[in-house]
Amino acid sequence: MHKSTMPPSIGFLERAALRHPMRAHILALLALILITAIVAIAFALLIFVRPSSAAEPSRPAIAKQAENASTASAQRGKKLFTNDGCYECHGRVAQGGVGPRLGPDPLPLSFIQKYVRHPTGQMPPYTAKTVSDQDLADIYAFLKSLPESPKAKNIPLLND
C-alpha cells in the first residue's frame, strides 16, 4: 500500500504490518513468548518462594500447631505419606518429581496446611476429613526427619 492510500486512523504497528506482513507475525510471536515467560515466573514464585512473615498464622494457631507437632510421629507420617499417595508426585523421600521437593527442609507447617487444603497447582485438595490436621503434623514430622542430601564433594564416585 502506498502511504497516501493508508487510512489515518491506523496505528504505527498496524501500518508497519501492512508494509511488512512478516513483522506482524514476529511481533505476535514475541508477545506470546513474553506472556508465557511472565506466567511461568509467576507460577514459579507461587510454588517455590517461601511465604513472608506477614503470612504467618496468629498466636492461637501457632500454639495448636506446636501441640500437633509435639505429638507428631515421623514414623506415622512416613506411613501416611505413602498411604495418602503423596509419594506419587513428591517421591518416596519427598525429593521431588512431578510435584516439588518437600524435604528435608520443608516449608512451615502453617503454609503446608493451607496449601494442602487449597492448592493452586495440579495438586488435588485434601480436606480435613481426608487428611486431618494431626495427619498433616505427622507428615510434617516425617519431612523434618529426612536427612540432608550429601554434598557432591563428599560422594567419591563424583570426585574421581
Protein backbone atom coordinates (compact mmCIF):
# COMPACT_ATOMS: atom_id res chain seq x y z
CA MET A 1 0.00 0.00 0.00
CA HIS A 2 1.20 3.46 -0.79
CA LYS A 3 1.47 5.90 2.08
CA SER A 4 -1.14 8.26 0.68
CA THR A 5 -3.76 5.48 0.48
CA MET A 6 -3.40 4.39 4.13
CA PRO A 7 -6.20 5.45 6.43
CA PRO A 8 -5.02 7.99 9.03
CA SER A 9 -6.59 6.03 11.93
CA ILE A 10 -4.25 3.04 11.61
CA GLY A 11 -1.63 2.93 14.37
CA PHE A 12 2.12 2.69 13.90
CA LEU A 13 2.34 -1.09 14.39
CA GLU A 14 -0.60 -1.74 12.10
CA ARG A 15 0.94 0.43 9.36
CA ALA A 16 4.26 -1.38 9.76
CA ALA A 17 2.47 -4.73 9.49
CA LEU A 18 0.77 -3.61 6.28
CA ARG A 19 4.14 -2.65 4.78
CA HIS A 20 5.93 -5.77 6.06
CA PRO A 21 3.48 -8.64 6.79
CA MET A 22 6.19 -10.82 8.41
CA ARG A 23 6.67 -8.19 11.11
CA ALA A 24 3.12 -8.81 12.37
CA HIS A 25 3.88 -12.49 12.84
CA ILE A 26 7.18 -11.76 14.56
CA LEU A 27 5.56 -9.21 16.89
CA ALA A 28 2.76 -11.65 17.75
CA LEU A 29 5.31 -14.41 18.46
CA LEU A 30 7.38 -12.10 20.67
CA ALA A 31 4.27 -11.03 22.59
CA LEU A 32 3.30 -14.68 23.11
CA ILE A 33 6.79 -15.55 24.36
CA LEU A 34 6.76 -12.58 26.75
CA ILE A 35 3.36 -13.50 28.19
CA THR A 36 4.42 -17.15 28.58
CA ALA A 37 7.59 -16.09 30.41
CA ILE A 38 5.63 -13.83 32.78
CA VAL A 39 3.14 -16.62 33.57
CA ALA A 40 5.96 -19.13 34.14
CA ILE A 41 7.79 -16.77 36.50
CA ALA A 42 4.59 -16.02 38.43
CA PHE A 43 3.85 -19.74 38.75
CA ALA A 44 7.41 -20.50 39.91
CA LEU A 45 7.21 -17.74 42.53
CA LEU A 46 3.88 -19.04 43.76
CA ILE A 47 5.15 -22.59 44.12
CA PHE A 48 8.76 -22.20 45.25
CA VAL A 49 9.00 -18.97 47.25
CA ARG A 50 8.54 -19.31 50.97
CA PRO A 51 5.71 -17.22 52.46
CA SER A 52 6.67 -13.92 54.06
CA SER A 53 6.37 -13.24 57.76
CA ALA A 54 3.17 -11.29 57.02
CA ALA A 55 1.55 -14.58 56.07
CA GLU A 56 2.40 -16.14 59.44
CA PRO A 57 -0.54 -17.52 61.44
CA SER A 58 -1.91 -16.00 64.64
CA ARG A 59 -0.64 -16.97 68.11
CA PRO A 60 -3.51 -19.44 68.85
CA ALA A 61 -2.89 -21.15 65.51
CA ILE A 62 0.83 -21.42 66.31
CA ALA A 63 0.03 -22.93 69.72
CA LYS A 64 -2.27 -25.51 68.10
CA GLN A 65 0.39 -26.36 65.52
CA ALA A 66 3.01 -26.71 68.24
CA GLU A 67 0.66 -29.08 70.08
CA ASN A 68 0.16 -31.10 66.90
CA ALA A 69 3.89 -31.10 66.19
CA SER A 70 4.77 -32.23 69.70
CA THR A 71 2.52 -35.26 69.39
CA ALA A 72 3.51 -35.85 65.78
CA SER A 73 5.18 -39.07 64.80
CA ALA A 74 7.67 -39.17 61.95
CA GLN A 75 7.15 -42.92 61.58
CA ARG A 76 3.37 -42.50 61.30
CA GLY A 77 3.96 -39.55 58.94
CA LYS A 78 6.05 -41.73 56.62
CA LYS A 79 3.24 -44.29 56.50
CA LEU A 80 0.65 -41.55 55.79
CA PHE A 81 2.92 -40.00 53.13
CA THR A 82 2.83 -43.36 51.34
CA ASN A 83 -0.79 -44.32 52.03
CA ASP A 84 -2.22 -40.92 51.04
CA GLY A 85 -0.29 -41.04 47.76
CA CYS A 86 1.99 -38.06 48.43
CA TYR A 87 4.97 -40.09 47.18
CA GLU A 88 3.41 -40.42 43.71
CA CYS A 89 4.23 -36.79 42.89
CA HIS A 90 6.78 -35.83 45.54
CA GLY A 91 8.93 -39.01 45.51
CA ARG A 92 9.42 -41.69 48.16
CA VAL A 93 11.59 -39.43 50.32
CA ALA A 94 10.00 -36.12 49.29
CA GLN A 95 12.88 -35.37 46.91
CA GLY A 96 10.50 -34.08 44.25
CA GLY A 97 9.28 -35.38 40.94
CA VAL A 98 6.13 -34.19 39.23
CA GLY A 99 5.49 -32.22 42.42
CA PRO A 100 8.10 -30.01 44.11
CA ARG A 101 10.70 -31.18 46.64
CA LEU A 102 9.26 -31.14 50.16
CA GLY A 103 12.15 -32.27 52.33
CA PRO A 104 14.39 -32.38 54.18
CA ASP A 105 13.91 -28.67 54.93
CA PRO A 106 10.14 -28.24 54.48
CA LEU A 107 8.20 -25.01 54.37
CA PRO A 108 6.43 -24.03 57.64
CA LEU A 109 3.63 -26.34 58.76
CA SER A 110 1.11 -23.49 58.53
CA PHE A 111 1.92 -22.98 54.84
CA ILE A 112 1.72 -26.72 54.10
CA GLN A 113 -1.66 -26.97 55.87
CA LYS A 114 -3.03 -24.01 53.93
CA TYR A 115 -1.70 -25.28 50.60
CA VAL A 116 -2.89 -28.87 51.11
CA ARG A 117 -6.41 -27.60 51.84
CA HIS A 118 -6.47 -25.09 48.95
CA PRO A 119 -3.78 -25.91 46.36
CA THR A 120 -3.22 -23.66 43.36
CA GLY A 121 -1.39 -26.07 41.05
CA GLN A 122 -2.18 -29.55 39.82
CA MET A 123 -2.32 -31.00 43.32
CA PRO A 124 -5.79 -32.16 44.40
CA PRO A 125 -7.20 -30.57 47.57
CA TYR A 126 -7.22 -32.65 50.76
CA THR A 127 -9.98 -31.68 53.18
CA ALA A 128 -9.72 -32.19 56.96
CA LYS A 129 -11.98 -35.23 56.52
CA THR A 130 -9.46 -36.81 54.14
CA VAL A 131 -6.25 -35.78 55.93
CA SER A 132 -6.67 -34.43 59.47
CA ASP A 133 -4.50 -31.68 60.98
CA GLN A 134 -2.83 -34.36 63.13
CA ASP A 135 -2.09 -36.40 59.99
CA LEU A 136 -0.53 -33.33 58.38
CA ALA A 137 1.53 -32.74 61.53
CA ASP A 138 2.76 -36.35 61.34
CA ILE A 139 3.64 -35.98 57.66
CA TYR A 140 5.43 -32.74 58.54
CA ALA A 141 7.37 -34.58 61.27
CA PHE A 142 8.40 -37.13 58.63
CA LEU A 143 9.55 -34.34 56.29
CA LYS A 144 11.55 -32.72 59.11
CA SER A 145 13.16 -36.08 59.95
CA LEU A 146 14.62 -36.58 56.48
CA PRO A 147 18.43 -36.31 56.34
CA GLU A 148 20.15 -33.73 54.16
CA SER A 149 21.43 -34.99 50.83
CA PRO A 150 25.21 -35.49 50.80
CA LYS A 151 27.29 -32.74 49.22
CA ALA A 152 28.71 -33.60 45.81
CA LYS A 153 32.28 -33.22 47.15
CA ASN A 154 31.52 -35.99 49.70
CA ILE A 155 30.45 -38.54 47.06
CA PRO A 156 33.60 -40.43 45.96
CA LEU A 157 32.23 -41.51 42.59
CA LEU A 158 31.60 -37.89 41.59
CA ASN A 159 35.11 -36.83 42.55
CA ASP A 160 37.13 -39.40 40.57
